[in-house]
Amino acid sequence: MTDSTKVPPHVRMALIALIVGGIAAILDSTMVTLAIRTLAVKLHSTAGTIQWVTTGFLLAMAVAIPITGWAERRWGGKRVWTAALTLFVLASVLCAAAWNDTALIGFRALQGFGAGLIFPLMQTLAVRAAGGRISSRLMAAVSLPIALGPILGPVIGGVILNWLSWRWLFLINVPVIAVGLLLAWRYLPADRPVSPRGRPDWIGLVLLAPALSGILLGLSQLSEDGGLDHAGVLAPLLAGAALLAAFLVRAARPGEREPVVDVRLLRVRSLGSASAVLFTAGAAMYAGMFLLPLYYQQLRGDSVLDAGLLMIPQGVGALAARFGVGPLADRFGARAVTIAGFLLAAIATVPFALAGPGTSLWWLGAVLLARGVGVGAVLIPPMSVAYQDVRPEGIPHATMNTRIAQQVGASFGTAIVAVALQSLLDHGATGAFQGAFWCAIGITIAAVVPAIVLPAAGPAPQARSATPTHEPATGQAPEKAA
């Protein structure tokens, strides 16, 4: 790696501010999933009702993501980032003080809205802080919380639930966000609003936000309601698909008002291919993350704490990948490294598809370490090349495209393996988990297909202007050859 790809000190401090600020939101979204059973008991609720603690969070995120680009242009990225962290930590305190399941669900939705602003802004502000210089090392840094959150969340959640009250799942966010706000104030570069009087495309927002919510709601209900033929699944899926189609038709037409999300950017090869890969990466990563804690708890009978601790090798593998994948992508190209990562993750999941209640934990820990390396390696290369042919003014829209793709992909992958697990339970728990893991392996192998069309070479660091222009955010540039 050449010196030109090293992250300057001021950019490094900005990245630390973003990582510290965003890690709480990412960890929280995974810790609470582990606590569903505990929350149902403590709040005297049912599993079906308390599941909305997770579902409401995801739906609120879907509503917030399309607003992020407009808000960043309207008030400036640093202000919106600070506001999003403040909203998230206030919602966390309210969640910790919830007196019943209804209150907790409502406060979690508010928390999800804050998280929906935080996740896309992390990438946008990282690129802004680097002055538009996009490198594998930069993307490795900014994607670290996104990759480690689903892996470390169950571990931290298990520790909290074993020794502390469930309310600490939310209160733990307070000191972390406080440090994140202080670092953001000190190290994030100040930016001026690009469109201080700009108004969002309200029609586009009214179409896109419920479209994403409907699709995510339908996918989340897929396993519980017994398949696609159930009204609770089919109605939101069809409504969401219809609204999304209407949004795409509207967004494809050039107009004077800036679109909520500029989907025309997907015609740019680097962003279009990277978004497709991030969709499949989200599906592959979250499919495994849904099954693994359940395997340890339900099939092997491990406690919540033990299940969380047994996931540590995967976190170690993902962390190790962060130190090596950047140089590998620079040397061998984004396409080769991404394909290798998917194949490694698929191979390392095979032992779980053959495992039973008595399979050696040492063996499973070893393959989890390898799976963590594979999963950790598939996010950085596509994120690095996504902005390769996108102009500076298109960066917020490019970020929203990739974030939406990854979010929907995660819900899709989770829904597929959840349905497989539920439908195979008649054949016994061991057979059901083995079949579900084979589905997860199939999803991971299928993810290789869009990775084939990624640009072969990683991005050369680009010295672009960090200040967007007032031009429409089409952001297109001539496509580069592979």
Protein backbone atom coordinates (compact mmCIF):
# COMPACT_ATOMS: atom_id res chain seq x y z
CA MET A 1 0.00 0.00 0.00
CA THR A 2 1.44 3.33 -0.97
CA ASP A 3 1.71 6.33 1.28
CA SER A 4 -1.02 8.01 -0.73
CA THR A 5 -3.54 5.55 0.63
CA LYS A 6 -2.68 6.16 4.29
CA VAL A 7 -5.28 7.98 6.33
CA PRO A 8 -4.04 11.44 7.46
CA PRO A 9 -4.22 12.20 11.21
CA HIS A 10 -7.11 14.68 10.95
CA VAL A 11 -9.12 12.18 8.89
CA ARG A 12 -8.29 9.42 11.38
CA MET A 13 -9.68 11.47 14.26
CA ALA A 14 -12.84 12.23 12.28
CA LEU A 15 -13.24 8.50 11.61
CA ILE A 16 -12.82 7.73 15.30
CA ALA A 17 -15.54 10.27 16.09
CA LEU A 18 -17.88 8.62 13.57
CA ILE A 19 -17.11 5.10 14.77
CA VAL A 20 -17.60 5.92 18.46
CA GLY A 21 -20.81 7.79 17.72
CA GLY A 22 -22.22 5.09 15.50
CA ILE A 23 -21.13 1.97 17.39
CA ALA A 24 -23.87 2.34 20.01
CA ALA A 25 -26.63 2.39 17.40
CA ILE A 26 -25.19 -0.62 15.59
CA LEU A 27 -24.63 -2.69 18.72
CA ASP A 28 -28.03 -1.77 20.14
CA SER A 29 -29.86 -3.05 17.08
CA THR A 30 -28.32 -6.53 17.59
CA MET A 31 -28.31 -6.69 21.40
CA VAL A 32 -32.06 -6.21 21.65
CA THR A 33 -32.74 -9.10 19.26
CA LEU A 34 -31.12 -11.41 21.81
CA ALA A 35 -33.37 -10.06 24.59
CA ILE A 36 -36.79 -10.68 22.99
CA ARG A 37 -37.63 -13.58 25.30
CA THR A 38 -36.43 -11.68 28.39
CA LEU A 39 -38.41 -8.57 27.46
CA ALA A 40 -41.58 -10.61 26.96
CA VAL A 41 -41.26 -12.05 30.49
CA LYS A 42 -40.23 -8.85 32.27
CA LEU A 43 -42.92 -6.70 30.61
CA HIS A 44 -45.64 -9.36 30.89
CA SER A 45 -46.08 -9.41 27.13
CA THR A 46 -46.32 -12.05 24.42
CA ALA A 47 -43.63 -13.05 21.94
CA GLY A 48 -45.75 -11.78 19.04
CA THR A 49 -46.22 -8.35 20.62
CA ILE A 50 -42.69 -7.88 21.91
CA GLN A 51 -41.29 -8.79 18.49
CA TRP A 52 -42.43 -5.31 17.43
CA VAL A 53 -39.58 -3.94 19.54
CA THR A 54 -37.35 -5.13 16.70
CA THR A 55 -39.80 -4.70 13.84
CA GLY A 56 -40.70 -1.12 14.83
CA PHE A 57 -37.01 -0.24 14.99
CA LEU A 58 -36.43 -1.56 11.46
CA LEU A 59 -39.49 0.18 10.02
CA ALA A 60 -38.52 3.53 11.57
CA MET A 61 -35.04 3.11 10.11
CA ALA A 62 -36.57 2.58 6.67
CA VAL A 63 -38.48 5.85 6.99
CA ALA A 64 -35.40 7.80 8.11
CA ILE A 65 -32.87 6.58 5.53
CA PRO A 66 -34.41 8.44 2.53
CA ILE A 67 -34.48 11.70 4.53
CA THR A 68 -30.76 11.63 5.30
CA GLY A 69 -29.47 13.07 2.03
CA TRP A 70 -31.91 15.99 2.02
CA ALA A 71 -31.25 16.74 5.71
CA GLU A 72 -27.49 16.73 5.11
CA ARG A 73 -27.85 19.22 2.25
CA ARG A 74 -30.37 21.32 4.18
CA TRP A 75 -28.51 21.71 7.51
CA GLY A 76 -25.03 20.31 6.95
CA GLY A 77 -23.66 16.88 7.79
CA LYS A 78 -22.12 17.72 11.15
CA ARG A 79 -25.34 19.26 12.47
CA VAL A 80 -27.47 16.36 11.30
CA TRP A 81 -25.00 13.85 12.77
CA THR A 82 -25.10 15.62 16.14
CA ALA A 83 -28.90 15.79 16.05
CA ALA A 84 -29.16 12.09 15.13
CA LEU A 85 -26.90 11.04 18.02
CA THR A 86 -28.86 13.25 20.42
CA LEU A 87 -32.17 11.78 19.27
CA PHE A 88 -30.79 8.25 19.60
CA VAL A 89 -29.48 8.70 23.13
CA LEU A 90 -32.70 10.41 24.31
CA ALA A 91 -34.71 7.53 22.85
CA SER A 92 -32.35 5.08 24.59
CA VAL A 93 -33.07 6.68 27.97
CA LEU A 94 -36.81 6.52 27.26
CA CYS A 95 -36.49 2.84 26.31
CA ALA A 96 -34.73 2.12 29.59
CA ALA A 97 -37.57 3.86 31.45
CA ALA A 98 -40.35 2.03 29.54
CA TRP A 99 -43.14 0.83 31.83
CA ASN A 100 -44.83 -1.62 29.45
CA ASP A 101 -44.48 -3.21 26.03
CA THR A 102 -46.40 -0.45 24.21
CA ALA A 103 -44.11 2.26 25.60
CA LEU A 104 -40.99 0.27 24.72
CA ILE A 105 -42.18 -0.33 21.15
CA GLY A 106 -42.89 3.38 20.67
CA PHE A 107 -39.56 4.48 22.10
CA ARG A 108 -37.72 1.86 20.02
CA ALA A 109 -39.33 3.29 16.89
CA LEU A 110 -37.97 6.72 17.86
CA GLN A 111 -34.58 5.13 18.44
CA GLY A 112 -34.79 3.43 15.04
CA PHE A 113 -35.43 6.77 13.34
CA GLY A 114 -32.23 8.13 14.87
CA ALA A 115 -30.32 5.02 13.78
CA GLY A 116 -31.70 5.40 10.26
CA LEU A 117 -30.03 8.81 10.09
CA ILE A 118 -26.78 7.63 11.67
CA PHE A 119 -25.93 4.67 9.44
CA PRO A 120 -25.89 6.43 6.03
CA LEU A 121 -24.25 9.55 7.48
CA MET A 122 -21.28 7.50 8.69
CA GLN A 123 -20.21 6.74 5.12
CA THR A 124 -21.05 10.17 3.72
CA LEU A 125 -19.21 12.09 6.42
CA ALA A 126 -16.21 9.76 6.24
CA VAL A 127 -15.81 10.49 2.54
CA ARG A 128 -16.36 14.20 3.18
CA ALA A 129 -13.74 14.23 5.97
CA ALA A 130 -11.23 12.54 3.64
CA GLY A 131 -11.75 15.29 1.08
CA GLY A 132 -13.23 12.83 -1.39
CA ARG A 133 -10.16 10.55 -1.27
CA ILE A 134 -11.69 7.08 -1.33
CA SER A 135 -9.50 4.12 -0.42
CA SER A 136 -9.92 0.59 0.89
CA ARG A 137 -8.39 1.66 4.19
CA LEU A 138 -10.96 4.43 4.59
CA MET A 139 -13.85 2.07 3.89
CA ALA A 140 -12.35 -0.56 6.20
CA ALA A 141 -12.40 1.96 9.02
CA VAL A 142 -15.90 3.29 8.46
CA SER A 143 -17.41 -0.18 7.91
CA LEU A 144 -15.86 -1.61 11.08
CA PRO A 145 -18.88 -0.96 13.34
CA ILE A 146 -21.31 -2.18 10.65
CA ALA A 147 -19.46 -5.49 10.39
CA LEU A 148 -18.75 -6.02 14.09
CA GLY A 149 -22.15 -4.90 15.40
CA PRO A 150 -24.04 -8.11 14.52
CA ILE A 151 -21.14 -10.17 15.86
CA LEU A 152 -20.28 -8.38 19.11
CA GLY A 153 -23.86 -7.35 19.89
CA PRO A 154 -24.94 -10.84 21.03
CA VAL A 155 -21.83 -11.13 23.21
CA ILE A 156 -22.37 -7.82 25.02
CA GLY A 157 -26.11 -8.42 25.17
CA GLY A 158 -25.56 -11.84 26.72
CA VAL A 159 -23.29 -10.40 29.40
CA ILE A 160 -25.81 -7.66 30.27
CA LEU A 161 -28.78 -10.01 30.37
CA ASN A 162 -26.90 -12.49 32.55
CA TRP A 163 -25.78 -10.04 35.26
CA LEU A 164 -27.75 -6.81 34.85
CA SER A 165 -31.28 -5.59 34.22
CA TRP A 166 -32.52 -5.52 30.62
CA ARG A 167 -32.70 -1.73 30.97
CA TRP A 168 -28.91 -1.60 30.71
CA LEU A 169 -29.21 -2.69 27.09
CA PHE A 170 -30.25 0.92 26.49
CA LEU A 171 -28.50 2.79 29.30
CA ILE A 172 -25.12 1.56 28.08
CA ASN A 173 -25.62 3.82 25.07
CA VAL A 174 -25.53 7.00 27.18
CA PRO A 175 -21.78 7.20 27.98
CA VAL A 176 -20.83 5.93 24.51
CA ILE A 177 -22.95 8.54 22.72
CA ALA A 178 -21.71 11.25 25.12
CA VAL A 179 -18.12 10.50 24.06
CA GLY A 180 -19.24 10.35 20.43
CA LEU A 181 -20.85 13.78 20.65
CA LEU A 182 -17.73 15.27 22.23
CA LEU A 183 -15.49 13.78 19.54
CA ALA A 184 -17.84 14.92 16.78
CA TRP A 185 -17.83 18.49 18.11
CA ARG A 186 -14.03 18.45 18.28
CA TYR A 187 -12.96 16.56 15.18
CA LEU A 188 -15.68 16.47 12.52
CA PRO A 189 -15.00 19.21 9.95
CA ALA A 190 -17.61 21.95 9.83
CA ASP A 191 -19.60 22.02 6.63
CA ARG A 192 -22.03 24.55 5.24
CA PRO A 193 -25.50 23.58 4.05
CA VAL A 194 -25.62 23.17 0.29
CA SER A 195 -29.35 23.90 0.01
CA PRO A 196 -30.29 25.83 3.18
CA ARG A 197 -33.79 26.47 1.85
CA GLY A 198 -34.17 23.23 -0.03
CA ARG A 199 -37.33 21.18 0.36
CA PRO A 200 -37.51 17.43 -0.06
CA ASP A 201 -39.49 15.77 -2.79
CA TRP A 202 -42.48 15.08 -0.56
CA ILE A 203 -44.24 12.92 -3.13
CA GLY A 204 -41.13 10.79 -3.55
CA LEU A 205 -40.75 10.51 0.22
CA VAL A 206 -44.41 9.54 0.66
CA LEU A 207 -43.85 6.79 -1.90
CA LEU A 208 -40.44 5.50 -0.80
CA ALA A 209 -40.70 5.49 3.01
CA PRO A 210 -43.87 3.32 3.20
CA ALA A 211 -42.54 1.22 0.30
CA LEU A 212 -39.47 0.23 2.29
CA SER A 213 -41.52 -0.17 5.46
CA GLY A 214 -44.01 -2.45 3.70
CA ILE A 215 -41.31 -4.65 2.20
CA LEU A 216 -39.43 -4.96 5.50
CA LEU A 217 -42.67 -5.62 7.41
CA GLY A 218 -43.72 -8.35 4.99
CA LEU A 219 -40.31 -10.02 5.16
CA SER A 220 -40.24 -9.85 8.96
CA GLN A 221 -43.65 -11.57 9.15
CA LEU A 222 -42.76 -14.29 6.65
CA SER A 223 -41.70 -16.97 9.11
CA GLU A 224 -44.33 -16.19 11.74
CA ASP A 225 -47.34 -16.14 9.41
CA GLY A 226 -46.57 -19.34 7.55
CA GLY A 227 -45.55 -18.19 4.09
CA LEU A 228 -46.42 -15.84 1.27
CA ASP A 229 -50.09 -16.82 1.14
CA HIS A 230 -50.84 -15.12 4.47
CA ALA A 231 -52.40 -11.65 4.40
CA GLY A 232 -49.97 -10.37 7.03
CA VAL A 233 -47.14 -11.10 4.62
CA LEU A 234 -48.65 -10.64 1.18
CA ALA A 235 -50.48 -7.35 1.80
CA PRO A 236 -47.47 -5.31 3.00
CA LEU A 237 -45.17 -6.92 0.42
CA LEU A 238 -47.48 -6.13 -2.50
CA ALA A 239 -48.23 -2.64 -1.24
CA GLY A 240 -44.54 -1.98 -0.68
CA ALA A 241 -43.63 -3.31 -4.13
CA ALA A 242 -46.32 -1.17 -5.80
CA LEU A 243 -45.20 1.98 -3.99
CA LEU A 244 -41.57 1.22 -4.81
CA ALA A 245 -42.43 0.80 -8.50
CA ALA A 246 -44.26 4.14 -8.45
CA PHE A 247 -41.27 5.78 -6.77
CA LEU A 248 -38.84 4.34 -9.35
CA VAL A 249 -40.97 5.64 -12.21
CA ARG A 250 -41.05 9.10 -10.63
CA ALA A 251 -37.36 9.07 -9.71
CA ALA A 252 -36.30 8.04 -13.22
CA ARG A 253 -37.69 11.29 -14.64
CA PRO A 254 -35.33 14.24 -14.44
CA GLY A 255 -36.90 17.20 -12.67
CA GLU A 256 -36.04 20.50 -11.06
CA ARG A 257 -36.47 19.27 -7.49
CA GLU A 258 -33.76 17.03 -6.04
CA PRO A 259 -35.05 13.46 -5.61
CA VAL A 260 -35.21 11.84 -2.18
CA VAL A 261 -32.88 9.10 -3.38
CA ASP A 262 -31.34 9.45 -6.82
CA VAL A 263 -31.75 5.94 -8.22
CA ARG A 264 -30.40 7.15 -11.56
CA LEU A 265 -26.98 6.81 -9.96
CA LEU A 266 -27.41 3.03 -10.10
CA ARG A 267 -26.70 3.28 -13.82
CA VAL A 268 -23.12 4.12 -12.85
CA ARG A 269 -21.34 0.78 -13.00
CA SER A 270 -19.33 1.10 -9.81
CA LEU A 271 -22.34 2.05 -7.66
CA GLY A 272 -24.84 -0.29 -9.35
CA SER A 273 -22.65 -3.36 -9.00
CA ALA A 274 -21.57 -2.44 -5.45
CA SER A 275 -25.20 -1.96 -4.37
CA ALA A 276 -26.11 -5.41 -5.74
CA VAL A 277 -23.20 -6.97 -3.87
CA LEU A 278 -24.12 -5.18 -0.63
CA PHE A 279 -27.68 -6.50 -0.97
CA THR A 280 -26.41 -10.07 -1.17
CA ALA A 281 -23.76 -9.41 1.49
CA GLY A 282 -26.46 -8.21 3.89
CA ALA A 283 -28.53 -11.30 3.13
CA ALA A 284 -25.61 -13.70 3.62
CA MET A 285 -24.31 -12.04 6.80
CA TYR A 286 -27.64 -11.70 8.59
CA ALA A 287 -28.88 -15.15 7.55
CA GLY A 288 -26.00 -16.67 9.46
CA MET A 289 -26.31 -14.23 12.34
CA PHE A 290 -29.97 -15.17 12.76
CA LEU A 291 -29.26 -18.91 12.88
CA LEU A 292 -26.07 -19.13 14.93
CA PRO A 293 -27.37 -17.88 18.33
CA LEU A 294 -30.50 -20.01 17.90
CA TYR A 295 -28.38 -23.09 17.15
CA TYR A 296 -26.44 -22.68 20.39
CA GLN A 297 -29.48 -21.87 22.52
CA GLN A 298 -32.21 -24.10 21.12
CA LEU A 299 -30.34 -27.12 19.77
CA ARG A 300 -27.45 -27.29 22.22
CA GLY A 301 -29.26 -25.78 25.22
CA ASP A 302 -26.67 -23.08 25.95
CA SER A 303 -27.60 -20.01 27.96
CA VAL A 304 -27.88 -16.54 26.44
CA LEU A 305 -24.49 -15.64 27.91
CA ASP A 306 -22.81 -18.81 26.66
CA ALA A 307 -24.30 -18.34 23.19
CA GLY A 308 -22.93 -14.81 23.09
CA LEU A 309 -19.48 -15.91 24.22
CA LEU A 310 -19.41 -18.72 21.68
CA MET A 311 -19.84 -16.10 18.95
CA ILE A 312 -16.57 -14.37 19.90
CA PRO A 313 -14.41 -16.27 17.34
CA GLN A 314 -16.51 -14.85 14.51
CA GLY A 315 -15.95 -11.33 15.86
CA VAL A 316 -12.22 -11.96 16.08
CA GLY A 317 -12.18 -13.18 12.48
CA ALA A 318 -14.11 -10.15 11.25
CA LEU A 319 -11.75 -7.83 13.12
CA ALA A 320 -8.72 -9.60 11.64
CA ALA A 321 -10.16 -9.20 8.15
CA ARG A 322 -10.24 -5.43 8.65
CA PHE A 323 -6.45 -5.31 8.85
CA GLY A 324 -5.79 -7.39 5.75
CA VAL A 325 -8.60 -6.86 3.28
CA GLY A 326 -7.59 -3.31 2.32
CA PRO A 327 -4.09 -4.24 1.09
CA LEU A 328 -5.50 -7.38 -0.58
CA ALA A 329 -8.14 -5.35 -2.42
CA ASP A 330 -5.48 -2.88 -3.54
CA ARG A 331 -3.29 -5.73 -4.81
CA PHE A 332 -5.78 -8.19 -6.30
CA GLY A 333 -8.79 -5.96 -6.91
CA ALA A 334 -12.23 -5.60 -5.34
CA ARG A 335 -13.81 -8.34 -7.44
CA ALA A 336 -11.36 -11.11 -6.52
CA VAL A 337 -11.32 -10.30 -2.79
CA THR A 338 -15.13 -10.09 -2.58
CA ILE A 339 -15.63 -13.43 -4.34
CA ALA A 340 -12.98 -15.05 -2.13
CA GLY A 341 -14.70 -13.66 0.97
CA PHE A 342 -18.09 -15.06 -0.02
CA LEU A 343 -16.63 -18.48 -0.83
CA LEU A 344 -14.74 -18.61 2.48
CA ALA A 345 -17.89 -17.65 4.40
CA ALA A 346 -19.88 -20.36 2.55
CA ILE A 347 -17.27 -23.07 3.16
CA ALA A 348 -16.97 -22.13 6.83
CA THR A 349 -20.76 -22.43 7.26
CA VAL A 350 -20.85 -26.02 5.92
CA PRO A 351 -19.80 -27.57 9.27
CA PHE A 352 -22.88 -26.02 10.89
CA ALA A 353 -25.06 -27.62 8.20
CA LEU A 354 -23.59 -30.99 9.26
CA ALA A 355 -23.51 -30.30 13.00
CA GLY A 356 -25.72 -31.71 15.69
CA PRO A 357 -26.20 -31.15 19.43
CA GLY A 358 -22.92 -32.87 20.29
CA THR A 359 -20.55 -31.40 17.72
CA SER A 360 -17.23 -30.23 19.19
CA LEU A 361 -17.32 -26.60 20.28
CA TRP A 362 -13.60 -26.29 19.51
CA TRP A 363 -14.25 -27.31 15.91
CA LEU A 364 -17.19 -24.95 15.57
CA GLY A 365 -15.15 -22.13 17.12
CA ALA A 366 -12.40 -22.68 14.54
CA VAL A 367 -14.80 -22.55 11.59
CA LEU A 368 -16.54 -19.51 13.09
CA LEU A 369 -13.17 -17.76 13.10
CA ALA A 370 -12.83 -18.52 9.38
CA ARG A 371 -16.43 -17.46 8.74
CA GLY A 372 -15.76 -14.17 10.48
CA VAL A 373 -12.81 -13.52 8.16
CA GLY A 374 -15.01 -14.23 5.12
CA VAL A 375 -17.94 -12.12 6.30
CA GLY A 376 -15.62 -9.30 7.32
CA ALA A 377 -13.98 -9.29 3.90
CA VAL A 378 -17.09 -8.92 1.73
CA LEU A 379 -18.15 -5.42 2.79
CA ILE A 380 -15.01 -3.34 2.30
CA PRO A 381 -14.26 -3.92 -1.42
CA PRO A 382 -17.76 -3.05 -2.73
CA MET A 383 -17.97 -0.05 -0.40
CA SER A 384 -14.56 1.08 -1.68
CA VAL A 385 -15.50 0.95 -5.35
CA ALA A 386 -19.09 2.20 -4.92
CA TYR A 387 -18.05 5.87 -5.14
CA GLN A 388 -15.43 5.30 -7.83
CA ASP A 389 -17.41 6.91 -10.67
CA VAL A 390 -19.69 9.13 -8.56
CA ARG A 391 -19.16 12.87 -8.44
CA PRO A 392 -18.93 14.61 -5.03
CA GLU A 393 -22.47 16.00 -5.20
CA GLY A 394 -23.81 12.47 -5.63
CA ILE A 395 -22.10 11.00 -2.54
CA PRO A 396 -25.09 11.30 -0.14
CA HIS A 397 -27.39 9.68 -2.70
CA ALA A 398 -24.84 6.94 -3.40
CA THR A 399 -24.62 6.23 0.33
CA MET A 400 -28.41 5.95 0.66
CA ASN A 401 -28.57 3.57 -2.31
CA THR A 402 -25.97 1.26 -0.75
CA ARG A 403 -27.53 1.48 2.72
CA ILE A 404 -31.03 0.67 1.48
CA ALA A 405 -29.66 -2.26 -0.52
CA GLN A 406 -27.87 -3.67 2.51
CA GLN A 407 -30.85 -3.15 4.83
CA VAL A 408 -33.36 -4.85 2.52
CA GLY A 409 -30.85 -7.61 1.82
CA ALA A 410 -30.43 -8.27 5.53
CA SER A 411 -34.19 -8.60 6.00
CA PHE A 412 -34.43 -10.84 2.92
CA GLY A 413 -31.72 -13.21 4.10
CA THR A 414 -33.14 -13.43 7.61
CA ALA A 415 -36.64 -14.13 6.27
CA ILE A 416 -35.46 -16.93 3.97
CA VAL A 417 -33.62 -18.90 6.66
CA ALA A 418 -36.35 -18.22 9.25
CA VAL A 419 -38.96 -19.73 6.91
CA ALA A 420 -36.68 -22.70 6.18
CA LEU A 421 -36.12 -23.31 9.89
CA GLN A 422 -39.82 -23.05 10.72
CA SER A 423 -40.96 -25.28 7.86
CA LEU A 424 -38.42 -28.03 8.65
CA LEU A 425 -39.14 -28.31 12.37
CA ASP A 426 -41.51 -31.22 11.69
CA HIS A 427 -38.43 -33.25 10.75
CA GLY A 428 -36.78 -32.60 14.11
CA ALA A 429 -34.71 -29.71 15.47
CA THR A 430 -31.38 -31.08 14.20
CA GLY A 431 -32.66 -31.57 10.66
CA ALA A 432 -34.36 -28.16 10.71
CA PHE A 433 -31.18 -26.33 11.66
CA GLN A 434 -29.11 -28.27 9.16
CA GLY A 435 -31.56 -27.43 6.37
CA ALA A 436 -31.65 -23.77 7.38
CA PHE A 437 -27.85 -23.58 7.38
CA TRP A 438 -27.80 -25.09 3.87
CA CYS A 439 -30.13 -22.27 2.83
CA ALA A 440 -27.69 -19.76 4.33
CA ILE A 441 -24.88 -21.41 2.38
CA GLY A 442 -26.92 -21.20 -0.82
CA ILE A 443 -27.53 -17.48 -0.25
CA THR A 444 -23.81 -16.91 0.30
CA ILE A 445 -22.82 -18.79 -2.87
CA ALA A 446 -25.49 -16.94 -4.90
CA ALA A 447 -23.91 -13.70 -3.67
CA VAL A 448 -20.89 -14.48 -5.85
CA VAL A 449 -22.94 -13.75 -9.00
CA PRO A 450 -23.28 -9.95 -8.59
CA ALA A 451 -19.69 -9.81 -7.29
CA ILE A 452 -18.50 -10.95 -10.73
CA VAL A 453 -19.51 -7.60 -12.26
CA LEU A 454 -17.67 -5.48 -9.70
CA PRO A 455 -14.81 -3.42 -11.17
CA ALA A 456 -11.77 -5.67 -11.11
CA ALA A 457 -9.43 -2.98 -9.80
CA GLY A 458 -9.88 -1.21 -6.51
CA PRO A 459 -10.24 2.56 -6.50
CA ALA A 460 -7.20 4.74 -6.80
CA PRO A 461 -7.39 7.43 -4.11
CA GLN A 462 -9.27 10.29 -5.69
CA ALA A 463 -8.56 13.88 -4.82
CA ARG A 464 -12.03 15.26 -5.25
CA SER A 465 -13.48 18.39 -3.88
CA ALA A 466 -15.10 17.75 -0.51
CA THR A 467 -17.57 20.53 -1.06
CA PRO A 468 -20.54 19.59 -3.21
CA THR A 469 -21.68 21.87 -5.94
CA HIS A 470 -25.18 23.12 -6.58
CA GLU A 471 -25.56 20.91 -9.63
CA PRO A 472 -28.27 18.27 -9.66
CA ALA A 473 -27.09 15.13 -7.89
CA THR A 474 -26.95 12.86 -10.87
CA GLY A 475 -23.32 12.27 -10.05
CA GLN A 476 -22.62 10.30 -13.20
CA ALA A 477 -19.22 10.00 -14.76
CA PRO A 478 -17.96 7.90 -17.64
CA GLU A 479 -17.80 4.25 -16.68
CA LYS A 480 -14.39 2.74 -16.18
CA ALA A 481 -13.26 -0.47 -17.74
CA ALA A 482 -12.77 -3.44 -15.47
